[in-house]
Amino acid sequence: MSESKPEYTRTAVDSVVDAVRGLVSEGINRRVVVRDSKDDVVLEVPVALGLVAALAAPVATAIGGGVALVGKCDIKLEDRRRPGSQPATTVDGE
């Protein structure tokens, strides 16, 4: 049998592991920030943690998001690697 098959499999596994590491790093560096009408931070969590919470308790996550929007809060997705960067996504509760 050919020896290239195990080497090819190892390369494929390495590329998948690198991709997962990149996604985790991206999820840790980006944060979901909820601010009230006075621009005070109510909640700030990494995107990765927010996704885990959304998968673990989708109903509670939906209710919390609805309450934040009804309570005139802003929900922003911010990149923490660049200080002062513009939010990637903004949802206004107005």
PDB file of N, CA and C in Angstrom:
ATOM      1  N   MET A   1       0.832  -1.178   0.000  1.00  0.00           N
ATOM      2  CA  MET A   1       0.000   0.000   0.000  1.00  0.00           C
ATOM      3  C   MET A   1       0.874   1.238   0.000  1.00  0.00           C
ATOM      4  N   SER A   2       0.284   2.306  -0.430  1.00  0.00           N
ATOM      5  CA  SER A   2       1.006   3.568  -0.529  1.00  0.00           C
ATOM      6  C   SER A   2       1.132   4.229   0.841  1.00  0.00           C
ATOM      7  N   GLU A   3       2.267   4.900   1.067  1.00  0.00           N
ATOM      8  CA  GLU A   3       2.480   5.587   2.331  1.00  0.00           C
ATOM      9  C   GLU A   3       1.945   7.021   2.298  1.00  0.00           C
ATOM     10  N   SER A   4       1.529   7.497   1.144  1.00  0.00           N
ATOM     11  CA  SER A   4       1.051   8.873   1.041  1.00  0.00           C
ATOM     12  C   SER A   4      -0.307   9.068   1.709  1.00  0.00           C
ATOM     13  N   LYS A   5      -1.083   7.997   1.835  1.00  0.00           N
ATOM     14  CA  LYS A   5      -2.406   8.123   2.436  1.00  0.00           C
ATOM     15  C   LYS A   5      -2.345   8.570   3.900  1.00  0.00           C
ATOM     16  N   PRO A   6      -1.532   7.964   4.771  1.00  0.00           N
ATOM     17  CA  PRO A   6      -1.448   8.460   6.146  1.00  0.00           C
ATOM     18  C   PRO A   6      -0.926   9.899   6.218  1.00  0.00           C
ATOM     19  N   GLU A   7       0.004  10.257   5.339  1.00  0.00           N
ATOM     20  CA  GLU A   7       0.530  11.622   5.345  1.00  0.00           C
ATOM     21  C   GLU A   7      -0.556  12.613   4.926  1.00  0.00           C
ATOM     22  N   TYR A   8      -1.346  12.242   3.935  1.00  0.00           N
ATOM     23  CA  TYR A   8      -2.444  13.094   3.488  1.00  0.00           C
ATOM     24  C   TYR A   8      -3.466  13.267   4.615  1.00  0.00           C
ATOM     25  N   THR A   9      -3.785  12.185   5.314  1.00  0.00           N
ATOM     26  CA  THR A   9      -4.745  12.252   6.420  1.00  0.00           C
ATOM     27  C   THR A   9      -4.222  13.148   7.530  1.00  0.00           C
ATOM     28  N   ARG A  10      -2.939  13.041   7.827  1.00  0.00           N
ATOM     29  CA  ARG A  10      -2.342  13.875   8.872  1.00  0.00           C
ATOM     30  C   ARG A  10      -2.417  15.347   8.486  1.00  0.00           C
ATOM     31  N   THR A  11      -2.156  15.654   7.224  1.00  0.00           N
ATOM     32  CA  THR A  11      -2.226  17.040   6.759  1.00  0.00           C
ATOM     33  C   THR A  11      -3.660  17.568   6.862  1.00  0.00           C
ATOM     34  N   ALA A  12      -4.630  16.744   6.510  1.00  0.00           N
ATOM     35  CA  ALA A  12      -6.034  17.150   6.592  1.00  0.00           C
ATOM     36  C   ALA A  12      -6.437  17.394   8.042  1.00  0.00           C
ATOM     37  N   VAL A  13      -6.010  16.527   8.939  1.00  0.00           N
ATOM     38  CA  VAL A  13      -6.335  16.697  10.363  1.00  0.00           C
ATOM     39  C   VAL A  13      -5.682  17.963  10.899  1.00  0.00           C
ATOM     40  N   ASP A  14      -4.429  18.213  10.530  1.00  0.00           N
ATOM     41  CA  ASP A  14      -3.738  19.425  10.972  1.00  0.00           C
ATOM     42  C   ASP A  14      -4.451  20.683  10.490  1.00  0.00           C
ATOM     43  N   SER A  15      -4.929  20.658   9.256  1.00  0.00           N
ATOM     44  CA  SER A  15      -5.620  21.847   8.738  1.00  0.00           C
ATOM     45  C   SER A  15      -6.954  22.062   9.445  1.00  0.00           C
ATOM     46  N   VAL A  16      -7.647  20.992   9.791  1.00  0.00           N
ATOM     47  CA  VAL A  16      -8.908  21.123  10.529  1.00  0.00           C
ATOM     48  C   VAL A  16      -8.640  21.655  11.933  1.00  0.00           C
ATOM     49  N   VAL A  17      -7.599  21.148  12.591  1.00  0.00           N
ATOM     50  CA  VAL A  17      -7.252  21.624  13.931  1.00  0.00           C
ATOM     51  C   VAL A  17      -6.884  23.099  13.884  1.00  0.00           C
ATOM     52  N   ASP A  18      -6.128  23.526  12.876  1.00  0.00           N
ATOM     53  CA  ASP A  18      -5.778  24.939  12.730  1.00  0.00           C
ATOM     54  C   ASP A  18      -7.022  25.799  12.515  1.00  0.00           C
ATOM     55  N   ALA A  19      -7.954  25.309  11.718  1.00  0.00           N
ATOM     56  CA  ALA A  19      -9.184  26.053  11.463  1.00  0.00           C
ATOM     57  C   ALA A  19     -10.010  26.201  12.741  1.00  0.00           C
ATOM     58  N   VAL A  20     -10.106  25.141  13.533  1.00  0.00           N
ATOM     59  CA  VAL A  20     -10.862  25.200  14.784  1.00  0.00           C
ATOM     60  C   VAL A  20     -10.196  26.164  15.757  1.00  0.00           C
ATOM     61  N   ARG A  21      -8.873  26.126  15.837  1.00  0.00           N
ATOM     62  CA  ARG A  21      -8.155  27.059  16.708  1.00  0.00           C
ATOM     63  C   ARG A  21      -8.413  28.503  16.291  1.00  0.00           C
ATOM     64  N   GLY A  22      -8.428  28.763  14.997  1.00  0.00           N
ATOM     65  CA  GLY A  22      -8.706  30.106  14.503  1.00  0.00           C
ATOM     66  C   GLY A  22     -10.105  30.566  14.865  1.00  0.00           C
ATOM     67  N   LEU A  23     -11.092  29.675  14.740  1.00  0.00           N
ATOM     68  CA  LEU A  23     -12.472  30.023  15.088  1.00  0.00           C
ATOM     69  C   LEU A  23     -12.620  30.288  16.580  1.00  0.00           C
ATOM     70  N   VAL A  24     -11.963  29.485  17.403  1.00  0.00           N
ATOM     71  CA  VAL A  24     -12.026  29.695  18.855  1.00  0.00           C
ATOM     72  C   VAL A  24     -11.372  31.020  19.210  1.00  0.00           C
ATOM     73  N   SER A  25     -10.217  31.306  18.597  1.00  0.00           N
ATOM     74  CA  SER A  25      -9.526  32.570  18.859  1.00  0.00           C
ATOM     75  C   SER A  25     -10.392  33.746  18.429  1.00  0.00           C
ATOM     76  N   GLU A  26     -11.039  33.628  17.294  1.00  0.00           N
ATOM     77  CA  GLU A  26     -11.922  34.692  16.798  1.00  0.00           C
ATOM     78  C   GLU A  26     -13.099  34.880  17.744  1.00  0.00           C
ATOM     79  N   GLY A  27     -13.646  33.788  18.260  1.00  0.00           N
ATOM     80  CA  GLY A  27     -14.762  33.866  19.184  1.00  0.00           C
ATOM     81  C   GLY A  27     -14.381  34.463  20.523  1.00  0.00           C
ATOM     82  N   ILE A  28     -13.141  34.259  20.939  1.00  0.00           N
ATOM     83  CA  ILE A  28     -12.672  34.826  22.200  1.00  0.00           C
ATOM     84  C   ILE A  28     -12.368  36.309  22.039  1.00  0.00           C
ATOM     85  N   ASN A  29     -11.850  36.710  20.896  1.00  0.00           N
ATOM     86  CA  ASN A  29     -11.482  38.105  20.671  1.00  0.00           C
ATOM     87  C   ASN A  29     -12.683  38.995  20.376  1.00  0.00           C
ATOM     88  N   ARG A  30     -13.767  38.434  19.941  1.00  0.00           N
ATOM     89  CA  ARG A  30     -14.979  39.216  19.695  1.00  0.00           C
ATOM     90  C   ARG A  30     -15.909  39.061  20.886  1.00  0.00           C
ATOM     91  N   ARG A  31     -16.569  40.145  21.258  1.00  0.00           N
ATOM     92  CA  ARG A  31     -17.437  40.132  22.429  1.00  0.00           C
ATOM     93  C   ARG A  31     -18.804  40.704  22.081  1.00  0.00           C
ATOM     94  N   VAL A  32     -19.820  40.151  22.720  1.00  0.00           N
ATOM     95  CA  VAL A  32     -21.163  40.701  22.644  1.00  0.00           C
ATOM     96  C   VAL A  32     -21.305  41.655  23.820  1.00  0.00           C
ATOM     97  N   VAL A  33     -21.613  42.916  23.527  1.00  0.00           N
ATOM     98  CA  VAL A  33     -21.724  43.940  24.560  1.00  0.00           C
ATOM     99  C   VAL A  33     -23.147  44.485  24.548  1.00  0.00           C
ATOM    100  N   VAL A  34     -23.792  44.448  25.708  1.00  0.00           N
ATOM    101  CA  VAL A  34     -25.143  45.000  25.872  1.00  0.00           C
ATOM    102  C   VAL A  34     -25.011  46.247  26.724  1.00  0.00           C
ATOM    103  N   ARG A  35     -25.471  47.386  26.182  1.00  0.00           N
ATOM    104  CA  ARG A  35     -25.413  48.670  26.895  1.00  0.00           C
ATOM    105  C   ARG A  35     -26.829  49.202  27.068  1.00  0.00           C
ATOM    106  N   ASP A  36     -27.068  49.858  28.219  1.00  0.00           N
ATOM    107  CA  ASP A  36     -28.382  50.439  28.460  1.00  0.00           C
ATOM    108  C   ASP A  36     -28.482  51.809  27.804  1.00  0.00           C
ATOM    109  N   SER A  37     -29.593  52.500  28.014  1.00  0.00           N
ATOM    110  CA  SER A  37     -29.821  53.793  27.367  1.00  0.00           C
ATOM    111  C   SER A  37     -28.856  54.874  27.841  1.00  0.00           C
ATOM    112  N   LYS A  38     -28.231  54.684  29.010  1.00  0.00           N
ATOM    113  CA  LYS A  38     -27.237  55.642  29.515  1.00  0.00           C
ATOM    114  C   LYS A  38     -25.825  55.286  29.065  1.00  0.00           C
ATOM    115  N   ASP A  39     -25.694  54.307  28.176  1.00  0.00           N
ATOM    116  CA  ASP A  39     -24.427  53.827  27.613  1.00  0.00           C
ATOM    117  C   ASP A  39     -23.550  53.121  28.653  1.00  0.00           C
ATOM    118  N   ASP A  40     -24.171  52.598  29.710  1.00  0.00           N
ATOM    119  CA  ASP A  40     -23.456  51.783  30.689  1.00  0.00           C
ATOM    120  C   ASP A  40     -23.489  50.326  30.231  1.00  0.00           C
ATOM    121  N   VAL A  41     -22.390  49.606  30.430  1.00  0.00           N
ATOM    122  CA  VAL A  41     -22.321  48.204  30.030  1.00  0.00           C
ATOM    123  C   VAL A  41     -23.140  47.367  30.998  1.00  0.00           C
ATOM    124  N   VAL A  42     -24.124  46.652  30.468  1.00  0.00           N
ATOM    125  CA  VAL A  42     -24.959  45.762  31.264  1.00  0.00           C
ATOM    126  C   VAL A  42     -24.382  44.358  31.257  1.00  0.00           C
ATOM    127  N   LEU A  43     -23.909  43.913  30.083  1.00  0.00           N
ATOM    128  CA  LEU A  43     -23.379  42.571  29.920  1.00  0.00           C
ATOM    129  C   LEU A  43     -22.310  42.583  28.846  1.00  0.00           C
ATOM    130  N   GLU A  44     -21.221  41.873  29.086  1.00  0.00           N
ATOM    131  CA  GLU A  44     -20.155  41.744  28.087  1.00  0.00           C
ATOM    132  C   GLU A  44     -19.612  40.324  28.185  1.00  0.00           C
ATOM    133  N   VAL A  45     -19.808  39.541  27.118  1.00  0.00           N
ATOM    134  CA  VAL A  45     -19.353  38.153  27.108  1.00  0.00           C
ATOM    135  C   VAL A  45     -18.671  37.848  25.783  1.00  0.00           C
ATOM    136  N   PRO A  46     -17.692  36.934  25.789  1.00  0.00           N
ATOM    137  CA  PRO A  46     -17.089  36.504  24.525  1.00  0.00           C
ATOM    138  C   PRO A  46     -18.129  35.798  23.652  1.00  0.00           C
ATOM    139  N   VAL A  47     -17.979  35.918  22.357  1.00  0.00           N
ATOM    140  CA  VAL A  47     -18.921  35.296  21.426  1.00  0.00           C
ATOM    141  C   VAL A  47     -18.961  33.790  21.645  1.00  0.00           C
ATOM    142  N   ALA A  48     -17.805  33.177  21.901  1.00  0.00           N
ATOM    143  CA  ALA A  48     -17.760  31.735  22.108  1.00  0.00           C
ATOM    144  C   ALA A  48     -18.639  31.329  23.287  1.00  0.00           C
ATOM    145  N   LEU A  49     -18.586  32.075  24.380  1.00  0.00           N
ATOM    146  CA  LEU A  49     -19.411  31.778  25.547  1.00  0.00           C
ATOM    147  C   LEU A  49     -20.885  32.021  25.236  1.00  0.00           C
ATOM    148  N   GLY A  50     -21.168  33.064  24.479  1.00  0.00           N
ATOM    149  CA  GLY A  50     -22.545  33.341  24.085  1.00  0.00           C
ATOM    150  C   GLY A  50     -23.135  32.227  23.234  1.00  0.00           C
ATOM    151  N   LEU A  51     -22.325  31.665  22.339  1.00  0.00           N
ATOM    152  CA  LEU A  51     -22.805  30.557  21.514  1.00  0.00           C
ATOM    153  C   LEU A  51     -23.074  29.318  22.349  1.00  0.00           C
ATOM    154  N   VAL A  52     -22.199  29.045  23.307  1.00  0.00           N
ATOM    155  CA  VAL A  52     -22.410  27.896  24.192  1.00  0.00           C
ATOM    156  C   VAL A  52     -23.701  28.087  24.990  1.00  0.00           C
ATOM    157  N   ALA A  53     -23.910  29.297  25.499  1.00  0.00           N
ATOM    158  CA  ALA A  53     -25.136  29.578  26.258  1.00  0.00           C
ATOM    159  C   ALA A  53     -26.368  29.450  25.373  1.00  0.00           C
ATOM    160  N   ALA A  54     -26.268  29.922  24.139  1.00  0.00           N
ATOM    161  CA  ALA A  54     -27.408  29.841  23.219  1.00  0.00           C
ATOM    162  C   ALA A  54     -27.744  28.394  22.883  1.00  0.00           C
ATOM    163  N   LEU A  55     -26.729  27.546  22.775  1.00  0.00           N
ATOM    164  CA  LEU A  55     -26.974  26.128  22.500  1.00  0.00           C
ATOM    165  C   LEU A  55     -27.501  25.403  23.736  1.00  0.00           C
ATOM    166  N   ALA A  56     -27.026  25.801  24.909  1.00  0.00           N
ATOM    167  CA  ALA A  56     -27.439  25.129  26.142  1.00  0.00           C
ATOM    168  C   ALA A  56     -28.845  25.547  26.570  1.00  0.00           C
ATOM    169  N   ALA A  57     -29.184  26.814  26.388  1.00  0.00           N
ATOM    170  CA  ALA A  57     -30.484  27.314  26.827  1.00  0.00           C
ATOM    171  C   ALA A  57     -31.048  28.283  25.794  1.00  0.00           C
ATOM    172  N   PRO A  58     -31.522  27.775  24.670  1.00  0.00           N
ATOM    173  CA  PRO A  58     -31.988  28.669  23.596  1.00  0.00           C
ATOM    174  C   PRO A  58     -33.195  29.517  23.986  1.00  0.00           C
ATOM    175  N   VAL A  59     -34.093  28.990  24.782  1.00  0.00           N
ATOM    176  CA  VAL A  59     -35.277  29.750  25.174  1.00  0.00           C
ATOM    177  C   VAL A  59     -34.872  30.921  26.074  1.00  0.00           C
ATOM    178  N   ALA A  60     -34.003  30.661  27.036  1.00  0.00           N
ATOM    179  CA  ALA A  60     -33.542  31.728  27.927  1.00  0.00           C
ATOM    180  C   ALA A  60     -32.771  32.791  27.155  1.00  0.00           C
ATOM    181  N   THR A  61     -31.988  32.377  26.168  1.00  0.00           N
ATOM    182  CA  THR A  61     -31.241  33.324  25.352  1.00  0.00           C
ATOM    183  C   THR A  61     -32.191  34.208  24.551  1.00  0.00           C
ATOM    184  N   ALA A  62     -33.209  33.619  23.966  1.00  0.00           N
ATOM    185  CA  ALA A  62     -34.187  34.390  23.192  1.00  0.00           C
ATOM    186  C   ALA A  62     -34.949  35.361  24.094  1.00  0.00           C
ATOM    187  N   ILE A  63     -35.335  34.914  25.276  1.00  0.00           N
ATOM    188  CA  ILE A  63     -36.054  35.790  26.205  1.00  0.00           C
ATOM    189  C   ILE A  63     -35.147  36.945  26.642  1.00  0.00           C
ATOM    190  N   GLY A  64     -33.890  36.642  26.943  1.00  0.00           N
ATOM    191  CA  GLY A  64     -32.940  37.683  27.351  1.00  0.00           C
ATOM    192  C   GLY A  64     -32.699  38.703  26.256  1.00  0.00           C
ATOM    193  N   GLY A  65     -32.586  38.245  25.023  1.00  0.00           N
ATOM    194  CA  GLY A  65     -32.412  39.165  23.899  1.00  0.00           C
ATOM    195  C   GLY A  65     -33.636  40.043  23.700  1.00  0.00           C
ATOM    196  N   GLY A  66     -34.813  39.457  23.844  1.00  0.00           N
ATOM    197  CA  GLY A  66     -36.050  40.232  23.727  1.00  0.00           C
ATOM    198  C   GLY A  66     -36.188  41.275  24.823  1.00  0.00           C
ATOM    199  N   VAL A  67     -35.844  40.899  26.037  1.00  0.00           N
ATOM    200  CA  VAL A  67     -35.907  41.842  27.156  1.00  0.00           C
ATOM    201  C   VAL A  67     -34.916  42.984  26.944  1.00  0.00           C
ATOM    202  N   ALA A  68     -33.720  42.663  26.429  1.00  0.00           N
ATOM    203  CA  ALA A  68     -32.722  43.712  26.168  1.00  0.00           C
ATOM    204  C   ALA A  68     -33.221  44.691  25.114  1.00  0.00           C
ATOM    205  N   LEU A  69     -33.881  44.192  24.086  1.00  0.00           N
ATOM    206  CA  LEU A  69     -34.391  45.078  23.037  1.00  0.00           C
ATOM    207  C   LEU A  69     -35.578  45.908  23.524  1.00  0.00           C
ATOM    208  N   VAL A  70     -36.481  45.298  24.296  1.00  0.00           N
ATOM    209  CA  VAL A  70     -37.630  46.032  24.825  1.00  0.00           C
ATOM    210  C   VAL A  70     -37.168  47.072  25.835  1.00  0.00           C
ATOM    211  N   GLY A  71     -36.108  46.771  26.573  1.00  0.00           N
ATOM    212  CA  GLY A  71     -35.580  47.692  27.574  1.00  0.00           C
ATOM    213  C   GLY A  71     -34.706  48.778  26.997  1.00  0.00           C
ATOM    214  N   LYS A  72     -34.791  49.015  25.697  1.00  0.00           N
ATOM    215  CA  LYS A  72     -34.035  50.073  25.014  1.00  0.00           C
ATOM    216  C   LYS A  72     -32.525  49.915  25.189  1.00  0.00           C
ATOM    217  N   CYS A  73     -32.043  48.677  25.116  1.00  0.00           N
ATOM    218  CA  CYS A  73     -30.605  48.416  25.198  1.00  0.00           C
ATOM    219  C   CYS A  73     -30.040  48.245  23.791  1.00  0.00           C
ATOM    220  N   ASP A  74     -28.762  48.530  23.647  1.00  0.00           N
ATOM    221  CA  ASP A  74     -28.047  48.291  22.398  1.00  0.00           C
ATOM    222  C   ASP A  74     -27.248  47.012  22.548  1.00  0.00           C
ATOM    223  N   ILE A  75     -27.284  46.159  21.534  1.00  0.00           N
ATOM    224  CA  ILE A  75     -26.499  44.930  21.530  1.00  0.00           C
ATOM    225  C   ILE A  75     -25.481  45.073  20.409  1.00  0.00           C
ATOM    226  N   LYS A  76     -24.194  45.007  20.757  1.00  0.00           N
ATOM    227  CA  LYS A  76     -23.131  45.203  19.776  1.00  0.00           C
ATOM    228  C   LYS A  76     -22.163  44.031  19.794  1.00  0.00           C
ATOM    229  N   LEU A  77     -21.621  43.719  18.637  1.00  0.00           N
ATOM    230  CA  LEU A  77     -20.570  42.723  18.503  1.00  0.00           C
ATOM    231  C   LEU A  77     -19.283  43.490  18.250  1.00  0.00           C
ATOM    232  N   GLU A  78     -18.357  43.484  19.224  1.00  0.00           N
ATOM    233  CA  GLU A  78     -17.137  44.280  19.132  1.00  0.00           C
ATOM    234  C   GLU A  78     -15.910  43.387  19.049  1.00  0.00           C
ATOM    235  N   ASP A  79     -14.918  43.875  18.311  1.00  0.00           N
ATOM    236  CA  ASP A  79     -13.638  43.184  18.187  1.00  0.00           C
ATOM    237  C   ASP A  79     -12.686  43.770  19.224  1.00  0.00           C
ATOM    238  N   ARG A  80     -12.223  42.969  20.157  1.00  0.00           N
ATOM    239  CA  ARG A  80     -11.386  43.443  21.252  1.00  0.00           C
ATOM    240  C   ARG A  80      -9.902  43.518  20.897  1.00  0.00           C
ATOM    241  N   ARG A  81      -9.510  43.055  19.726  1.00  0.00           N
ATOM    242  CA  ARG A  81      -8.094  43.113  19.348  1.00  0.00           C
ATOM    243  C   ARG A  81      -7.671  44.522  18.978  1.00  0.00           C
ATOM    244  N   ARG A  82      -8.604  45.318  18.466  1.00  0.00           N
ATOM    245  CA  ARG A  82      -8.298  46.693  18.066  1.00  0.00           C
ATOM    246  C   ARG A  82      -9.070  47.647  18.943  1.00  0.00           C
ATOM    247  N   PRO A  83      -8.384  48.307  19.891  1.00  0.00           N
ATOM    248  CA  PRO A  83      -9.101  49.234  20.766  1.00  0.00           C
ATOM    249  C   PRO A  83      -9.735  50.373  19.969  1.00  0.00           C
ATOM    250  N   GLY A  84     -10.949  50.720  20.325  1.00  0.00           N
ATOM    251  CA  GLY A  84     -11.644  51.820  19.654  1.00  0.00           C
ATOM    252  C   GLY A  84     -12.204  51.441  18.298  1.00  0.00           C
ATOM    253  N   SER A  85     -12.197  50.147  17.979  1.00  0.00           N
ATOM    254  CA  SER A  85     -12.716  49.735  16.676  1.00  0.00           C
ATOM    255  C   SER A  85     -14.231  49.855  16.654  1.00  0.00           C
ATOM    256  N   GLN A  86     -14.771  50.025  15.485  1.00  0.00           N
ATOM    257  CA  GLN A  86     -16.216  50.138  15.330  1.00  0.00           C
ATOM    258  C   GLN A  86     -16.840  48.769  15.543  1.00  0.00           C
ATOM    259  N   PRO A  87     -18.039  48.693  16.114  1.00  0.00           N
ATOM    260  CA  PRO A  87     -18.678  47.404  16.302  1.00  0.00           C
ATOM    261  C   PRO A  87     -18.982  46.758  14.956  1.00  0.00           C
ATOM    262  N   ALA A  88     -18.824  45.443  14.915  1.00  0.00           N
ATOM    263  CA  ALA A  88     -19.097  44.710  13.680  1.00  0.00           C
ATOM    264  C   ALA A  88     -20.586  44.688  13.385  1.00  0.00           C
ATOM    265  N   THR A  89     -21.387  44.585  14.422  1.00  0.00           N
ATOM    266  CA  THR A  89     -22.836  44.516  14.272  1.00  0.00           C
ATOM    267  C   THR A  89     -23.477  45.266  15.434  1.00  0.00           C
ATOM    268  N   THR A  90     -24.531  46.000  15.130  1.00  0.00           N
ATOM    269  CA  THR A  90     -25.238  46.735  16.172  1.00  0.00           C
ATOM    270  C   THR A  90     -26.728  46.486  16.024  1.00  0.00           C
ATOM    271  N   VAL A  91     -27.402  46.231  17.146  1.00  0.00           N
ATOM    272  CA  VAL A  91     -28.860  46.098  17.171  1.00  0.00           C
ATOM    273  C   VAL A  91     -29.368  47.110  18.177  1.00  0.00           C
ATOM    274  N   ASP A  92     -30.147  48.075  17.709  1.00  0.00           N
ATOM    275  CA  ASP A  92     -30.682  49.101  18.596  1.00  0.00           C
ATOM    276  C   ASP A  92     -32.054  48.689  19.081  1.00  0.00           C
ATOM    277  N   GLY A  93     -32.322  48.979  20.333  1.00  0.00           N
ATOM    278  CA  GLY A  93     -33.614  48.621  20.906  1.00  0.00           C
ATOM    279  C   GLY A  93     -34.657  49.697  20.756  1.00  0.00           C
ATOM    280  N   GLU A  94     -34.462  50.669  19.884  1.00  0.00           N
ATOM    281  CA  GLU A  94     -35.418  51.763  19.728  1.00  0.00           C
ATOM    282  C   GLU A  94     -36.409  51.491  18.631  1.00  0.00           C
TER     283      GLU A  94
END
